[in-house]
Amino acid sequence: MTSTSAPALPLAHSLGTLSRARWATRLQFMALGVLGGTWGAHIPSVKAHYAVSEATLSMVLLAAAIGAVLSLFIAGRVVARLGARNAAVTAALLMSLMLALVLEYPGLGWLLPSMLIFGASMSLFDVAINTEGSELESLSGRAIMSNLHGMFSVGGMTGAALASYMLSAGVAPRLQLFGVCAGIALVAFTASRGMLETHGSGSDAGGGEKAHFAWPTGLLLIIGLLIFAGMTAEGVMYDWCVLYLKQDVGMPQAQAALGYAIFSGAMALSRFGGDYLRARYSERSLLRFGGAMAAVAMLAVLLSANGWIAYVGFAIVGAGLAPVAPILFNAATRVPGVSRAAAIASVTSIGYSGFMIGPPLIGSIATATSLTMALGVLVLASTMLAYGARYVPEKAS
């Protein structure tokens, strides 16, 4: 990382302030993970509640992805104007409300626009907390991005495991969503008070940098395409792994939700060791090995169609995909002439396109063949990630 070129630590940012901000940002990443885990575990609930096919369900997921991508064109500007902490709390309240109401609508005519808002608020929250994490890493001169993304994975594991437990206990899905989303909103609001008051001036410390949206070209485009492959693979797991275990493998939904929890838990463990690995090994090597490992593991899962093999395979997939976001998001912020918020929004716009393309692609393939065949997209995306790792610029020593 480029900590040697970071600005001098402002007096307002004492060690105590930075420590509080790190813990606050960890909580925000975890809150986003809990929300994602809850949503992933209840995608079968949405399918059952609205009585839709895989193709129609893919349109629901597409609506959320479109909202996420469109939001990214203004996310950098919003973070620059409001500051990361204010942007984060606003987005957190909105995304929690949208998820809480996801089973309350009379039909798809109401559900689809709400999913647009849900996706838009999630992506704004994502950019805000990643911008905060990059700023904290720069100010403190220590690697924390993998740790932060590890907290996201812990949240995903927690959300999915909690949903599994409540489903087993017979708690109605809509009551689960109300309770969990109220908790997420409270945690995000409280944690935002500890975040730094930065980025409100519209530029980063370097001064004069663009603080809105940078069209990805050159190195930013390469990084963005790799994030696209990684987020496509990750998004397949978030949106479809529970339904795959329930529908194609034949597990009850409560047990199927554990597959999501295992995936997120393995990703969390891998990310908590990620900063250590980043300091000692080539980032290219980490991405190459992780992508190859995820591709092989998922192929084994799909060929076996066995629940226990799926649990083990999902754990390996989670560990393999874990380095992608921390390495590539931070690599984007090292591109000169672009602010952190703009760089993250730029490459994330391409990455979230994977979420936008993935749902209709998976739904179309599943409708024509089977969900098992459709999930082969993850194998392909992971293979592309492993191959493209050679183009990632090595971090400065």
Protein backbone atom coordinates (compact mmCIF):
# COMPACT_ATOMS: atom_id res chain seq x y z
CA MET A 1 0.00 0.00 0.00
CA THR A 2 1.05 3.61 -0.41
CA SER A 3 1.15 4.67 3.18
CA THR A 4 4.45 6.48 2.62
CA SER A 5 2.67 9.02 0.45
CA ALA A 6 -0.26 9.48 2.84
CA PRO A 7 -0.84 12.92 4.31
CA ALA A 8 0.41 13.67 7.81
CA LEU A 9 -2.01 12.59 10.49
CA PRO A 10 -4.24 15.59 11.32
CA LEU A 11 -4.39 16.64 14.94
CA ALA A 12 -8.15 16.06 14.89
CA HIS A 13 -7.48 12.44 13.99
CA SER A 14 -5.81 11.25 17.17
CA LEU A 15 -4.97 7.61 17.72
CA GLY A 16 -8.07 7.29 19.88
CA THR A 17 -10.24 8.81 17.16
CA LEU A 18 -8.82 6.44 14.56
CA SER A 19 -9.34 3.46 16.84
CA ARG A 20 -12.99 4.39 17.41
CA ALA A 21 -13.46 4.94 13.68
CA ARG A 22 -11.98 1.52 12.86
CA TRP A 23 -14.38 -0.21 15.25
CA ALA A 24 -17.30 1.84 13.96
CA THR A 25 -16.45 0.95 10.38
CA ARG A 26 -16.10 -2.73 11.30
CA LEU A 27 -19.64 -2.61 12.69
CA GLN A 28 -20.89 -0.97 9.49
CA PHE A 29 -19.33 -3.71 7.35
CA MET A 30 -20.88 -6.31 9.63
CA ALA A 31 -24.29 -4.61 9.40
CA LEU A 32 -24.11 -4.74 5.61
CA GLY A 33 -23.19 -8.42 5.81
CA VAL A 34 -26.10 -9.24 8.12
CA LEU A 35 -28.45 -7.50 5.73
CA GLY A 36 -26.99 -9.41 2.77
CA GLY A 37 -27.14 -12.74 4.62
CA THR A 38 -30.73 -12.16 5.65
CA TRP A 39 -31.71 -11.24 2.11
CA GLY A 40 -29.90 -14.25 0.64
CA ALA A 41 -31.54 -16.67 3.08
CA HIS A 42 -34.99 -15.29 2.28
CA ILE A 43 -34.82 -15.28 -1.51
CA PRO A 44 -36.72 -18.61 -1.45
CA SER A 45 -39.28 -16.86 0.79
CA VAL A 46 -39.74 -14.17 -1.87
CA LYS A 47 -40.08 -16.85 -4.57
CA ALA A 48 -42.72 -18.70 -2.54
CA HIS A 49 -44.61 -15.59 -1.36
CA TYR A 50 -45.07 -14.17 -4.86
CA ALA A 51 -45.29 -17.64 -6.52
CA VAL A 52 -42.78 -16.80 -9.28
CA SER A 53 -40.49 -18.86 -11.48
CA GLU A 54 -36.68 -18.66 -11.56
CA ALA A 55 -36.91 -16.38 -14.60
CA THR A 56 -39.26 -13.96 -12.83
CA LEU A 57 -37.21 -14.13 -9.64
CA SER A 58 -34.16 -13.18 -11.68
CA MET A 59 -36.01 -9.99 -12.70
CA VAL A 60 -36.49 -9.13 -9.02
CA LEU A 61 -32.76 -9.58 -8.44
CA LEU A 62 -32.06 -7.62 -11.63
CA ALA A 63 -34.09 -4.67 -10.33
CA ALA A 64 -31.90 -4.51 -7.22
CA ALA A 65 -28.75 -4.73 -9.34
CA ILE A 66 -29.90 -1.97 -11.69
CA GLY A 67 -30.57 0.28 -8.71
CA ALA A 68 -27.10 -0.51 -7.38
CA VAL A 69 -25.37 0.33 -10.65
CA LEU A 70 -27.32 3.54 -11.24
CA SER A 71 -26.58 4.69 -7.70
CA LEU A 72 -22.86 4.33 -8.28
CA PHE A 73 -22.86 7.14 -10.84
CA ILE A 74 -23.65 9.60 -8.07
CA ALA A 75 -22.35 7.75 -5.00
CA GLY A 76 -18.93 9.41 -5.10
CA ARG A 77 -20.53 12.86 -5.27
CA VAL A 78 -22.95 12.05 -2.43
CA VAL A 79 -20.13 10.79 -0.20
CA ALA A 80 -18.05 13.87 -1.07
CA ARG A 81 -20.89 16.23 -0.19
CA LEU A 82 -22.40 14.53 2.87
CA GLY A 83 -19.31 12.84 4.22
CA ALA A 84 -18.94 9.07 4.54
CA ARG A 85 -20.64 8.91 7.94
CA ASN A 86 -23.78 10.82 6.91
CA ALA A 87 -24.04 9.01 3.58
CA ALA A 88 -23.70 5.68 5.37
CA VAL A 89 -26.40 6.28 7.96
CA THR A 90 -28.85 7.64 5.36
CA ALA A 91 -28.31 4.63 3.11
CA ALA A 92 -28.51 2.19 6.04
CA LEU A 93 -31.92 3.45 7.15
CA LEU A 94 -33.29 3.28 3.61
CA MET A 95 -31.99 -0.20 2.75
CA SER A 96 -33.24 -1.58 6.08
CA LEU A 97 -36.71 -0.21 5.42
CA MET A 98 -36.83 -1.65 1.91
CA LEU A 99 -35.80 -5.14 3.05
CA ALA A 100 -38.25 -5.08 5.97
CA LEU A 101 -41.11 -4.51 3.52
CA VAL A 102 -40.04 -7.03 0.86
CA LEU A 103 -42.83 -9.53 1.72
CA GLU A 104 -45.52 -6.91 2.31
CA TYR A 105 -46.40 -5.86 -1.24
CA PRO A 106 -49.56 -6.98 -3.11
CA GLY A 107 -47.59 -7.90 -6.24
CA LEU A 108 -44.51 -7.46 -8.42
CA GLY A 109 -45.65 -4.00 -9.51
CA TRP A 110 -44.76 -2.77 -6.02
CA LEU A 111 -41.87 -5.13 -5.36
CA LEU A 112 -39.74 -4.22 -8.40
CA PRO A 113 -39.43 -0.45 -7.72
CA SER A 114 -38.75 -1.16 -4.05
CA MET A 115 -35.91 -3.43 -5.12
CA LEU A 116 -34.47 -0.61 -7.23
CA ILE A 117 -34.35 1.55 -4.10
CA PHE A 118 -32.97 -1.34 -2.06
CA GLY A 119 -30.09 -1.89 -4.50
CA ALA A 120 -29.35 1.82 -4.80
CA SER A 121 -29.15 2.34 -1.05
CA MET A 122 -26.98 -0.76 -0.58
CA SER A 123 -24.44 0.43 -3.16
CA LEU A 124 -24.30 3.92 -1.63
CA PHE A 125 -23.69 2.37 1.78
CA ASP A 126 -21.03 0.11 0.25
CA VAL A 127 -19.15 3.02 -1.34
CA ALA A 128 -19.38 5.11 1.84
CA ILE A 129 -17.92 2.47 4.16
CA ASN A 130 -15.25 1.36 1.67
CA THR A 131 -14.22 5.00 1.26
CA GLU A 132 -14.00 5.30 5.04
CA GLY A 133 -11.94 2.11 5.24
CA SER A 134 -9.50 3.31 2.59
CA GLU A 135 -9.14 6.64 4.39
CA LEU A 136 -8.46 4.88 7.69
CA GLU A 137 -5.86 2.64 6.05
CA SER A 138 -4.13 5.69 4.57
CA LEU A 139 -4.19 7.78 7.75
CA SER A 140 -3.03 5.04 10.09
CA GLY A 141 -0.47 3.48 7.73
CA ARG A 142 -1.70 -0.05 8.49
CA ALA A 143 -3.57 -2.57 6.36
CA ILE A 144 -7.18 -3.03 7.52
CA MET A 145 -9.25 -3.55 4.35
CA SER A 146 -9.20 -7.35 4.52
CA ASN A 147 -10.22 -7.16 8.18
CA LEU A 148 -13.12 -4.87 7.30
CA HIS A 149 -14.31 -7.14 4.53
CA GLY A 150 -13.92 -10.02 6.96
CA MET A 151 -16.47 -8.31 9.19
CA PHE A 152 -18.82 -8.16 6.20
CA SER A 153 -18.47 -11.92 5.83
CA VAL A 154 -19.05 -12.43 9.58
CA GLY A 155 -22.22 -10.43 9.16
CA GLY A 156 -23.30 -12.55 6.20
CA MET A 157 -22.70 -15.71 8.21
CA THR A 158 -24.60 -14.26 11.17
CA GLY A 159 -27.57 -13.15 9.08
CA ALA A 160 -27.88 -16.48 7.29
CA ALA A 161 -27.39 -18.54 10.47
CA LEU A 162 -29.95 -16.44 12.34
CA ALA A 163 -32.44 -16.91 9.51
CA SER A 164 -31.78 -20.66 9.56
CA TYR A 165 -32.43 -20.81 13.29
CA MET A 166 -35.63 -18.75 13.11
CA LEU A 167 -36.93 -20.78 10.17
CA SER A 168 -36.33 -23.97 12.17
CA ALA A 169 -38.14 -22.39 15.12
CA GLY A 170 -41.12 -21.58 12.93
CA VAL A 171 -40.79 -17.79 13.05
CA ALA A 172 -42.66 -16.24 10.12
CA PRO A 173 -40.31 -14.79 7.45
CA ARG A 174 -41.95 -11.35 7.56
CA LEU A 175 -41.44 -11.13 11.33
CA GLN A 176 -37.81 -12.13 10.87
CA LEU A 177 -37.29 -9.37 8.34
CA PHE A 178 -38.91 -6.71 10.53
CA GLY A 179 -36.83 -7.68 13.56
CA VAL A 180 -33.47 -8.05 11.81
CA CYS A 181 -33.87 -4.87 9.75
CA ALA A 182 -34.79 -2.82 12.82
CA GLY A 183 -31.63 -4.10 14.50
CA ILE A 184 -29.49 -3.28 11.44
CA ALA A 185 -30.84 0.26 11.29
CA LEU A 186 -30.10 0.80 14.99
CA VAL A 187 -26.55 -0.59 14.78
CA ALA A 188 -25.72 1.40 11.64
CA PHE A 189 -27.04 4.65 13.13
CA THR A 190 -25.11 4.14 16.37
CA ALA A 191 -21.88 3.10 14.62
CA SER A 192 -21.99 6.10 12.29
CA ARG A 193 -21.35 8.38 15.28
CA GLY A 194 -17.83 6.95 15.57
CA MET A 195 -16.87 7.38 11.92
CA LEU A 196 -14.54 10.15 10.78
CA GLU A 197 -15.94 13.41 9.48
CA THR A 198 -14.11 13.28 6.17
CA HIS A 199 -14.77 13.75 2.46
CA GLY A 200 -17.23 16.53 3.13
CA SER A 201 -15.14 19.02 1.19
CA GLY A 202 -15.51 17.12 -2.05
CA SER A 203 -11.89 16.07 -2.39
CA ASP A 204 -9.37 13.90 -0.77
CA ALA A 205 -6.34 15.03 1.05
CA GLY A 206 -4.39 15.30 -2.12
CA GLY A 207 -6.44 18.29 -3.14
CA GLY A 208 -7.89 19.03 -6.54
CA GLU A 209 -8.87 15.46 -7.28
CA LYS A 210 -12.19 14.59 -8.85
CA ALA A 211 -14.66 13.65 -6.15
CA HIS A 212 -17.64 12.40 -8.17
CA PHE A 213 -17.52 9.58 -10.73
CA ALA A 214 -14.49 8.71 -12.85
CA TRP A 215 -15.21 6.82 -16.05
CA PRO A 216 -13.08 3.68 -15.83
CA THR A 217 -10.27 3.64 -18.38
CA GLY A 218 -6.84 2.12 -18.46
CA LEU A 219 -5.81 0.67 -15.13
CA LEU A 220 -9.16 1.49 -13.51
CA LEU A 221 -10.93 -0.43 -16.26
CA ILE A 222 -8.73 -3.51 -15.80
CA ILE A 223 -9.31 -3.49 -12.04
CA GLY A 224 -13.02 -2.97 -12.61
CA LEU A 225 -13.26 -5.95 -14.96
CA LEU A 226 -11.56 -8.17 -12.41
CA ILE A 227 -13.97 -6.93 -9.74
CA PHE A 228 -16.74 -7.75 -12.24
CA ALA A 229 -15.58 -11.37 -12.40
CA GLY A 230 -15.18 -11.59 -8.62
CA MET A 231 -18.52 -9.98 -7.80
CA THR A 232 -20.29 -12.12 -10.39
CA ALA A 233 -18.97 -15.22 -8.65
CA GLU A 234 -19.75 -13.82 -5.21
CA GLY A 235 -23.18 -12.65 -6.32
CA VAL A 236 -24.08 -16.10 -7.62
CA MET A 237 -23.45 -17.45 -4.12
CA TYR A 238 -25.40 -14.68 -2.40
CA ASP A 239 -28.47 -14.95 -4.62
CA TRP A 240 -28.69 -18.59 -5.59
CA CYS A 241 -26.82 -20.94 -3.23
CA VAL A 242 -29.72 -21.33 -0.77
CA LEU A 243 -32.22 -21.95 -3.56
CA TYR A 244 -29.81 -24.44 -5.17
CA LEU A 245 -29.51 -26.47 -1.95
CA LYS A 246 -33.26 -26.34 -1.37
CA GLN A 247 -34.41 -27.04 -4.90
CA ASP A 248 -31.73 -29.09 -6.66
CA VAL A 249 -30.13 -30.88 -3.69
CA GLY A 250 -33.43 -31.28 -1.79
CA MET A 251 -32.55 -29.75 1.59
CA PRO A 252 -35.13 -28.04 3.83
CA GLN A 253 -34.79 -24.25 3.67
CA ALA A 254 -33.43 -24.06 7.23
CA GLN A 255 -30.55 -26.42 6.32
CA ALA A 256 -30.07 -24.77 2.94
CA ALA A 257 -29.57 -21.40 4.66
CA LEU A 258 -26.61 -22.93 6.51
CA GLY A 259 -24.85 -23.22 3.15
CA TYR A 260 -24.83 -19.44 2.92
CA ALA A 261 -23.60 -19.20 6.50
CA ILE A 262 -20.75 -21.65 5.80
CA PHE A 263 -19.74 -19.74 2.67
CA SER A 264 -19.70 -16.42 4.55
CA GLY A 265 -17.93 -17.90 7.57
CA ALA A 266 -15.11 -19.32 5.46
CA MET A 267 -14.80 -16.01 3.66
CA ALA A 268 -14.59 -14.20 7.00
CA LEU A 269 -11.83 -16.45 8.33
CA SER A 270 -9.86 -16.03 5.12
CA ARG A 271 -10.26 -12.26 5.15
CA PHE A 272 -9.16 -11.91 8.75
CA GLY A 273 -5.88 -13.45 7.66
CA GLY A 274 -5.85 -11.49 4.44
CA ASP A 275 -3.90 -8.46 5.65
CA TYR A 276 -1.18 -10.79 6.94
CA LEU A 277 -1.04 -12.56 3.58
CA ARG A 278 -1.08 -9.28 1.62
CA ALA A 279 1.97 -8.12 3.53
CA ARG A 280 3.94 -11.27 2.72
CA TYR A 281 2.79 -12.54 -0.67
CA SER A 282 2.17 -11.13 -4.11
CA GLU A 283 -1.39 -9.89 -4.53
CA ARG A 284 -1.37 -11.38 -8.01
CA SER A 285 -0.54 -14.78 -6.55
CA LEU A 286 -3.28 -14.51 -3.93
CA LEU A 287 -5.89 -13.65 -6.55
CA ARG A 288 -4.70 -16.34 -8.95
CA PHE A 289 -4.72 -19.08 -6.32
CA GLY A 290 -8.04 -17.99 -4.83
CA GLY A 291 -9.82 -17.87 -8.19
CA ALA A 292 -8.54 -21.29 -9.22
CA MET A 293 -9.49 -22.79 -5.85
CA ALA A 294 -13.03 -21.40 -6.07
CA ALA A 295 -13.51 -22.70 -9.62
CA VAL A 296 -12.40 -26.24 -8.78
CA ALA A 297 -14.46 -26.39 -5.56
CA MET A 298 -17.67 -25.19 -7.21
CA LEU A 299 -17.22 -27.63 -10.06
CA ALA A 300 -16.99 -30.46 -7.52
CA VAL A 301 -20.17 -29.23 -5.80
CA LEU A 302 -22.17 -29.14 -9.02
CA LEU A 303 -20.96 -32.53 -10.21
CA SER A 304 -21.71 -34.25 -6.90
CA ALA A 305 -25.13 -32.71 -6.05
CA ASN A 306 -24.47 -33.83 -2.46
CA GLY A 307 -25.35 -31.68 0.55
CA TRP A 308 -22.24 -32.39 2.61
CA ILE A 309 -19.94 -31.93 -0.36
CA ALA A 310 -21.76 -28.67 -1.06
CA TYR A 311 -21.08 -27.44 2.49
CA VAL A 312 -17.35 -28.18 2.11
CA GLY A 313 -17.25 -26.78 -1.41
CA PHE A 314 -19.01 -23.57 -0.37
CA ALA A 315 -16.42 -23.10 2.37
CA ILE A 316 -13.58 -23.43 -0.16
CA VAL A 317 -15.34 -21.07 -2.57
CA GLY A 318 -15.69 -18.51 0.23
CA ALA A 319 -12.01 -18.76 1.15
CA GLY A 320 -10.98 -18.52 -2.50
CA LEU A 321 -13.07 -15.43 -3.27
CA ALA A 322 -12.18 -13.68 0.01
CA PRO A 323 -9.10 -11.74 -1.26
CA VAL A 324 -10.84 -10.28 -4.30
CA ALA A 325 -12.65 -7.23 -2.89
CA PRO A 326 -10.02 -6.11 -0.32
CA ILE A 327 -7.17 -6.29 -2.84
CA LEU A 328 -8.94 -4.79 -5.83
CA PHE A 329 -10.82 -2.00 -4.01
CA ASN A 330 -7.59 -0.84 -2.42
CA ALA A 331 -5.72 -1.15 -5.73
CA ALA A 332 -8.28 1.20 -7.31
CA THR A 333 -7.62 3.89 -4.71
CA ARG A 334 -3.93 3.93 -5.67
CA VAL A 335 -4.70 5.14 -9.20
CA PRO A 336 -3.37 8.75 -9.34
CA GLY A 337 -5.60 11.73 -10.05
CA VAL A 338 -8.85 10.20 -8.77
CA SER A 339 -10.33 10.54 -5.29
CA ARG A 340 -10.92 7.45 -3.18
CA ALA A 341 -14.71 7.74 -3.36
CA ALA A 342 -14.63 8.28 -7.14
CA ALA A 343 -12.22 5.39 -7.74
CA ILE A 344 -14.26 2.99 -5.62
CA ALA A 345 -17.52 4.12 -7.25
CA SER A 346 -15.93 3.75 -10.69
CA VAL A 347 -14.66 0.18 -10.36
CA THR A 348 -17.65 -0.86 -8.27
CA SER A 349 -19.95 0.29 -11.10
CA ILE A 350 -18.38 -2.37 -13.30
CA GLY A 351 -18.41 -4.89 -10.47
CA TYR A 352 -22.08 -4.37 -9.72
CA SER A 353 -22.76 -4.90 -13.41
CA GLY A 354 -21.92 -8.51 -12.60
CA PHE A 355 -24.84 -8.46 -10.16
CA MET A 356 -26.97 -6.89 -12.92
CA ILE A 357 -26.02 -9.39 -15.63
CA GLY A 358 -25.89 -12.40 -13.31
CA PRO A 359 -29.56 -12.70 -12.22
CA PRO A 360 -31.17 -12.79 -15.70
CA LEU A 361 -28.34 -14.95 -17.00
CA ILE A 362 -28.72 -17.49 -14.17
CA GLY A 363 -32.50 -17.37 -14.45
CA SER A 364 -32.47 -17.88 -18.22
CA ILE A 365 -30.02 -20.79 -18.08
CA ALA A 366 -31.91 -22.36 -15.15
CA THR A 367 -35.21 -22.09 -17.02
CA ALA A 368 -33.73 -23.64 -20.18
CA THR A 369 -31.73 -26.35 -18.37
CA SER A 370 -31.40 -26.44 -14.58
CA LEU A 371 -30.12 -24.31 -11.75
CA THR A 372 -27.18 -26.70 -11.43
CA MET A 373 -26.10 -25.94 -14.99
CA ALA A 374 -26.66 -22.22 -14.46
CA LEU A 375 -24.35 -22.11 -11.46
CA GLY A 376 -21.53 -23.10 -13.77
CA VAL A 377 -21.28 -19.33 -14.34
CA LEU A 378 -19.44 -19.17 -11.01
CA VAL A 379 -16.85 -21.66 -12.28
CA LEU A 380 -16.31 -19.54 -15.40
CA ALA A 381 -16.11 -16.23 -13.49
CA SER A 382 -13.61 -17.65 -10.98
CA THR A 383 -11.47 -19.01 -13.81
CA MET A 384 -11.45 -15.59 -15.49
CA LEU A 385 -10.43 -14.00 -12.21
CA ALA A 386 -7.53 -16.42 -11.80
CA TYR A 387 -6.34 -15.71 -15.34
CA GLY A 388 -6.70 -11.93 -15.09
CA ALA A 389 -4.78 -11.67 -11.81
CA ARG A 390 -1.59 -11.19 -13.84
CA TYR A 391 -2.73 -7.68 -14.77
CA VAL A 392 -3.15 -6.41 -11.19
CA PRO A 393 -0.48 -3.80 -10.39
CA GLU A 394 1.68 -4.83 -7.47
CA LYS A 395 1.40 -2.65 -4.38
CA ALA A 396 4.25 -0.27 -3.59
CA SER A 397 6.82 -1.58 -1.14
